[in-house]
Amino acid sequence: MAEKFSAEERELMRERARELKAAKGAANKAADEALVIEKIAAMAPEDRALAQRIHDLVKIHAPQLDAKTWYGMQAYFKDGKVVCFFQDGGKFRTRYCTLGFQEAAALDDGLMWPTSYALLDLDAVTERQIIELLVRASA
């Protein structure tokens, strides 16, 4: 028997379909970023603070990445490909947020490397680690 998608998964698929449909029109970076800011504003306060700081770090340390939504999540693109994304914990009712990197990030390190990180809070050490990843991923 085939497994069914959860309500959250079905909504993500609908959001992605809307994103793809909108992308067929003229590219508008300001509108794309405004939608990311809107998604951040809709998050629970703890997740919102993390999401906003990640957004700020990307804008400062990887300004060549374009902010857009991806499956309804804030994501950052280079040459039309997802480099990294932020998934708020409230979206899937998890105890942590996730900072993830896609194939375009090319963070390869040997035969195995992490592609996502659980994120509970940000301190100076964690921010430095994130900045290093963003710089490597956006090069």
C-alpha atoms as a PDB file:
ATOM      1  CA  MET A   1       0.000   0.000   0.000  1.00  0.00           C
ATOM      2  CA  ALA A   2       1.409   3.381  -1.009  1.00  0.00           C
ATOM      3  CA  GLU A   3       2.100   5.907   1.735  1.00  0.00           C
ATOM      4  CA  LYS A   4       0.063   9.108   1.627  1.00  0.00           C
ATOM      5  CA  PHE A   5       1.490  12.584   1.898  1.00  0.00           C
ATOM      6  CA  SER A   6       0.782  14.541   5.069  1.00  0.00           C
ATOM      7  CA  ALA A   7      -1.216  17.760   4.929  1.00  0.00           C
ATOM      8  CA  GLU A   8       2.026  19.720   5.426  1.00  0.00           C
ATOM      9  CA  GLU A   9       3.726  17.877   2.551  1.00  0.00           C
ATOM     10  CA  ARG A  10       0.757  18.489   0.232  1.00  0.00           C
ATOM     11  CA  GLU A  11       0.815  22.198   1.107  1.00  0.00           C
ATOM     12  CA  LEU A  12       4.564  22.347   0.348  1.00  0.00           C
ATOM     13  CA  MET A  13       3.945  20.779  -3.057  1.00  0.00           C
ATOM     14  CA  ARG A  14       1.214  23.350  -3.764  1.00  0.00           C
ATOM     15  CA  GLU A  15       3.553  26.159  -2.695  1.00  0.00           C
ATOM     16  CA  ARG A  16       6.294  24.847  -4.967  1.00  0.00           C
ATOM     17  CA  ALA A  17       3.854  24.682  -7.898  1.00  0.00           C
ATOM     18  CA  ARG A  18       2.898  28.332  -7.255  1.00  0.00           C
ATOM     19  CA  GLU A  19       6.591  29.296  -7.092  1.00  0.00           C
ATOM     20  CA  LEU A  20       7.317  27.586 -10.399  1.00  0.00           C
ATOM     21  CA  LYS A  21       4.322  29.254 -12.034  1.00  0.00           C
ATOM     22  CA  ALA A  22       5.401  32.685 -10.753  1.00  0.00           C
ATOM     23  CA  ALA A  23       8.969  32.086 -11.955  1.00  0.00           C
ATOM     24  CA  LYS A  24       7.719  31.777 -15.532  1.00  0.00           C
ATOM     25  CA  GLY A  25       7.004  35.510 -15.530  1.00  0.00           C
ATOM     26  CA  ALA A  26       9.645  38.206 -15.592  1.00  0.00           C
ATOM     27  CA  ALA A  27      12.215  37.739 -12.849  1.00  0.00           C
ATOM     28  CA  ASN A  28      11.717  40.245 -10.075  1.00  0.00           C
ATOM     29  CA  LYS A  29      14.334  40.006  -7.316  1.00  0.00           C
ATOM     30  CA  ALA A  30      12.583  42.572  -5.134  1.00  0.00           C
ATOM     31  CA  ALA A  31       9.290  40.665  -5.223  1.00  0.00           C
ATOM     32  CA  ASP A  32      11.084  37.363  -4.569  1.00  0.00           C
ATOM     33  CA  GLU A  33      12.880  38.810  -1.559  1.00  0.00           C
ATOM     34  CA  ALA A  34       9.670  40.438  -0.298  1.00  0.00           C
ATOM     35  CA  LEU A  35       8.037  37.003  -0.291  1.00  0.00           C
ATOM     36  CA  VAL A  36      10.961  35.605   1.722  1.00  0.00           C
ATOM     37  CA  ILE A  37      10.554  38.452   4.240  1.00  0.00           C
ATOM     38  CA  GLU A  38       6.813  37.698   4.394  1.00  0.00           C
ATOM     39  CA  LYS A  39       7.520  34.012   5.135  1.00  0.00           C
ATOM     40  CA  ILE A  40       9.975  34.994   7.873  1.00  0.00           C
ATOM     41  CA  ALA A  41       7.421  37.367   9.431  1.00  0.00           C
ATOM     42  CA  ALA A  42       4.854  34.546   9.608  1.00  0.00           C
ATOM     43  CA  MET A  43       7.105  32.313  11.740  1.00  0.00           C
ATOM     44  CA  ALA A  44       6.902  31.819  15.498  1.00  0.00           C
ATOM     45  CA  PRO A  45       9.056  34.381  17.342  1.00  0.00           C
ATOM     46  CA  GLU A  46      12.012  32.055  18.121  1.00  0.00           C
ATOM     47  CA  ASP A  47      12.145  30.684  14.569  1.00  0.00           C
ATOM     48  CA  ARG A  48      11.642  34.181  13.128  1.00  0.00           C
ATOM     49  CA  ALA A  49      14.691  35.515  14.976  1.00  0.00           C
ATOM     50  CA  LEU A  50      16.874  32.699  13.604  1.00  0.00           C
ATOM     51  CA  ALA A  51      15.458  33.037  10.085  1.00  0.00           C
ATOM     52  CA  GLN A  52      15.996  36.797  10.041  1.00  0.00           C
ATOM     53  CA  ARG A  53      19.583  36.448  11.251  1.00  0.00           C
ATOM     54  CA  ILE A  54      20.308  33.808   8.592  1.00  0.00           C
ATOM     55  CA  HIS A  55      18.818  36.163   5.988  1.00  0.00           C
ATOM     56  CA  ASP A  56      21.014  39.003   7.266  1.00  0.00           C
ATOM     57  CA  LEU A  57      24.133  36.811   7.198  1.00  0.00           C
ATOM     58  CA  VAL A  58      23.422  35.784   3.604  1.00  0.00           C
ATOM     59  CA  LYS A  59      22.885  39.402   2.537  1.00  0.00           C
ATOM     60  CA  ILE A  60      26.176  40.480   4.164  1.00  0.00           C
ATOM     61  CA  HIS A  61      28.457  37.525   3.424  1.00  0.00           C
ATOM     62  CA  ALA A  62      26.965  36.020   0.254  1.00  0.00           C
ATOM     63  CA  PRO A  63      25.263  38.958  -1.494  1.00  0.00           C
ATOM     64  CA  GLN A  64      25.544  37.236  -4.882  1.00  0.00           C
ATOM     65  CA  LEU A  65      22.830  34.788  -3.785  1.00  0.00           C
ATOM     66  CA  ASP A  66      19.233  35.624  -4.672  1.00  0.00           C
ATOM     67  CA  ALA A  67      16.577  35.261  -1.978  1.00  0.00           C
ATOM     68  CA  LYS A  68      13.498  33.318  -3.107  1.00  0.00           C
ATOM     69  CA  THR A  69      11.088  30.846  -1.629  1.00  0.00           C
ATOM     70  CA  TRP A  70      11.521  27.138  -2.282  1.00  0.00           C
ATOM     71  CA  TYR A  71       8.742  24.800  -1.191  1.00  0.00           C
ATOM     72  CA  GLY A  72       7.494  27.734   0.854  1.00  0.00           C
ATOM     73  CA  MET A  73      10.794  28.124   2.726  1.00  0.00           C
ATOM     74  CA  GLN A  74      13.349  30.892   2.520  1.00  0.00           C
ATOM     75  CA  ALA A  75      16.119  29.837   0.178  1.00  0.00           C
ATOM     76  CA  TYR A  76      19.072  31.385  -1.586  1.00  0.00           C
ATOM     77  CA  PHE A  77      19.867  30.734  -5.234  1.00  0.00           C
ATOM     78  CA  LYS A  78      22.844  31.122  -7.534  1.00  0.00           C
ATOM     79  CA  ASP A  79      22.392  30.799 -11.301  1.00  0.00           C
ATOM     80  CA  GLY A  80      18.868  29.506 -10.750  1.00  0.00           C
ATOM     81  CA  LYS A  81      19.927  26.687  -8.417  1.00  0.00           C
ATOM     82  CA  VAL A  82      19.256  26.399  -4.700  1.00  0.00           C
ATOM     83  CA  VAL A  83      22.433  26.842  -2.692  1.00  0.00           C
ATOM     84  CA  CYS A  84      20.959  26.888   0.811  1.00  0.00           C
ATOM     85  CA  PHE A  85      17.653  27.100   2.633  1.00  0.00           C
ATOM     86  CA  PHE A  86      16.226  27.655   6.095  1.00  0.00           C
ATOM     87  CA  GLN A  87      13.426  25.467   7.386  1.00  0.00           C
ATOM     88  CA  ASP A  88      11.679  26.744  10.474  1.00  0.00           C
ATOM     89  CA  GLY A  89      10.932  24.172  13.147  1.00  0.00           C
ATOM     90  CA  GLY A  90       7.280  25.180  13.327  1.00  0.00           C
ATOM     91  CA  LYS A  91       6.667  24.241   9.694  1.00  0.00           C
ATOM     92  CA  PHE A  92       7.066  20.527  10.418  1.00  0.00           C
ATOM     93  CA  ARG A  93       6.590  20.701  14.184  1.00  0.00           C
ATOM     94  CA  THR A  94      10.184  19.768  14.929  1.00  0.00           C
ATOM     95  CA  ARG A  95      12.186  20.847  17.946  1.00  0.00           C
ATOM     96  CA  TYR A  96      14.792  22.631  15.844  1.00  0.00           C
ATOM     97  CA  CYS A  97      15.167  24.691  12.695  1.00  0.00           C
ATOM     98  CA  THR A  98      17.309  23.433   9.826  1.00  0.00           C
ATOM     99  CA  LEU A  99      19.933  25.223   7.767  1.00  0.00           C
ATOM    100  CA  GLY A 100      20.407  23.094   4.671  1.00  0.00           C
ATOM    101  CA  PHE A 101      22.670  23.142   1.656  1.00  0.00           C
ATOM    102  CA  GLN A 102      21.881  21.699  -1.757  1.00  0.00           C
ATOM    103  CA  GLU A 103      24.185  20.208  -4.383  1.00  0.00           C
ATOM    104  CA  ALA A 104      24.933  23.637  -5.901  1.00  0.00           C
ATOM    105  CA  ALA A 105      26.676  24.579  -2.648  1.00  0.00           C
ATOM    106  CA  ALA A 106      29.461  22.097  -3.485  1.00  0.00           C
ATOM    107  CA  LEU A 107      30.553  21.707   0.121  1.00  0.00           C
ATOM    108  CA  ASP A 108      32.123  18.347  -0.739  1.00  0.00           C
ATOM    109  CA  ASP A 109      34.654  17.165   1.818  1.00  0.00           C
ATOM    110  CA  GLY A 110      35.923  13.657   1.162  1.00  0.00           C
ATOM    111  CA  LEU A 111      33.463  10.811   0.730  1.00  0.00           C
ATOM    112  CA  MET A 112      30.873  12.138   3.202  1.00  0.00           C
ATOM    113  CA  TRP A 113      29.852  15.602   4.418  1.00  0.00           C
ATOM    114  CA  PRO A 114      26.857  17.195   6.128  1.00  0.00           C
ATOM    115  CA  THR A 115      24.208  18.869   4.005  1.00  0.00           C
ATOM    116  CA  SER A 116      21.980  20.145   6.794  1.00  0.00           C
ATOM    117  CA  TYR A 117      22.401  21.424  10.314  1.00  0.00           C
ATOM    118  CA  ALA A 118      19.984  21.487  13.233  1.00  0.00           C
ATOM    119  CA  LEU A 119      19.851  25.022  14.579  1.00  0.00           C
ATOM    120  CA  LEU A 120      18.536  25.899  18.041  1.00  0.00           C
ATOM    121  CA  ASP A 121      20.108  29.307  18.554  1.00  0.00           C
ATOM    122  CA  LEU A 122      22.922  31.519  17.314  1.00  0.00           C
ATOM    123  CA  ASP A 123      26.005  32.580  19.207  1.00  0.00           C
ATOM    124  CA  ALA A 124      29.260  34.084  17.921  1.00  0.00           C
ATOM    125  CA  VAL A 125      30.867  30.681  17.277  1.00  0.00           C
ATOM    126  CA  THR A 126      27.831  29.350  15.406  1.00  0.00           C
ATOM    127  CA  GLU A 127      27.572  32.517  13.328  1.00  0.00           C
ATOM    128  CA  ARG A 128      31.229  32.189  12.304  1.00  0.00           C
ATOM    129  CA  GLN A 129      30.601  28.588  11.235  1.00  0.00           C
ATOM    130  CA  ILE A 130      27.558  29.630   9.213  1.00  0.00           C
ATOM    131  CA  ILE A 131      29.449  32.498   7.590  1.00  0.00           C
ATOM    132  CA  GLU A 132      32.238  30.106   6.586  1.00  0.00           C
ATOM    133  CA  LEU A 133      29.700  27.730   5.029  1.00  0.00           C
ATOM    134  CA  LEU A 134      27.918  30.564   3.207  1.00  0.00           C
ATOM    135  CA  VAL A 135      31.155  31.926   1.760  1.00  0.00           C
ATOM    136  CA  ARG A 136      32.250  28.462   0.578  1.00  0.00           C
ATOM    137  CA  ALA A 137      28.786  27.629  -0.783  1.00  0.00           C
ATOM    138  CA  SER A 138      28.383  30.875  -2.693  1.00  0.00           C
ATOM    139  CA  ALA A 139      31.840  30.966  -4.299  1.00  0.00           C
END
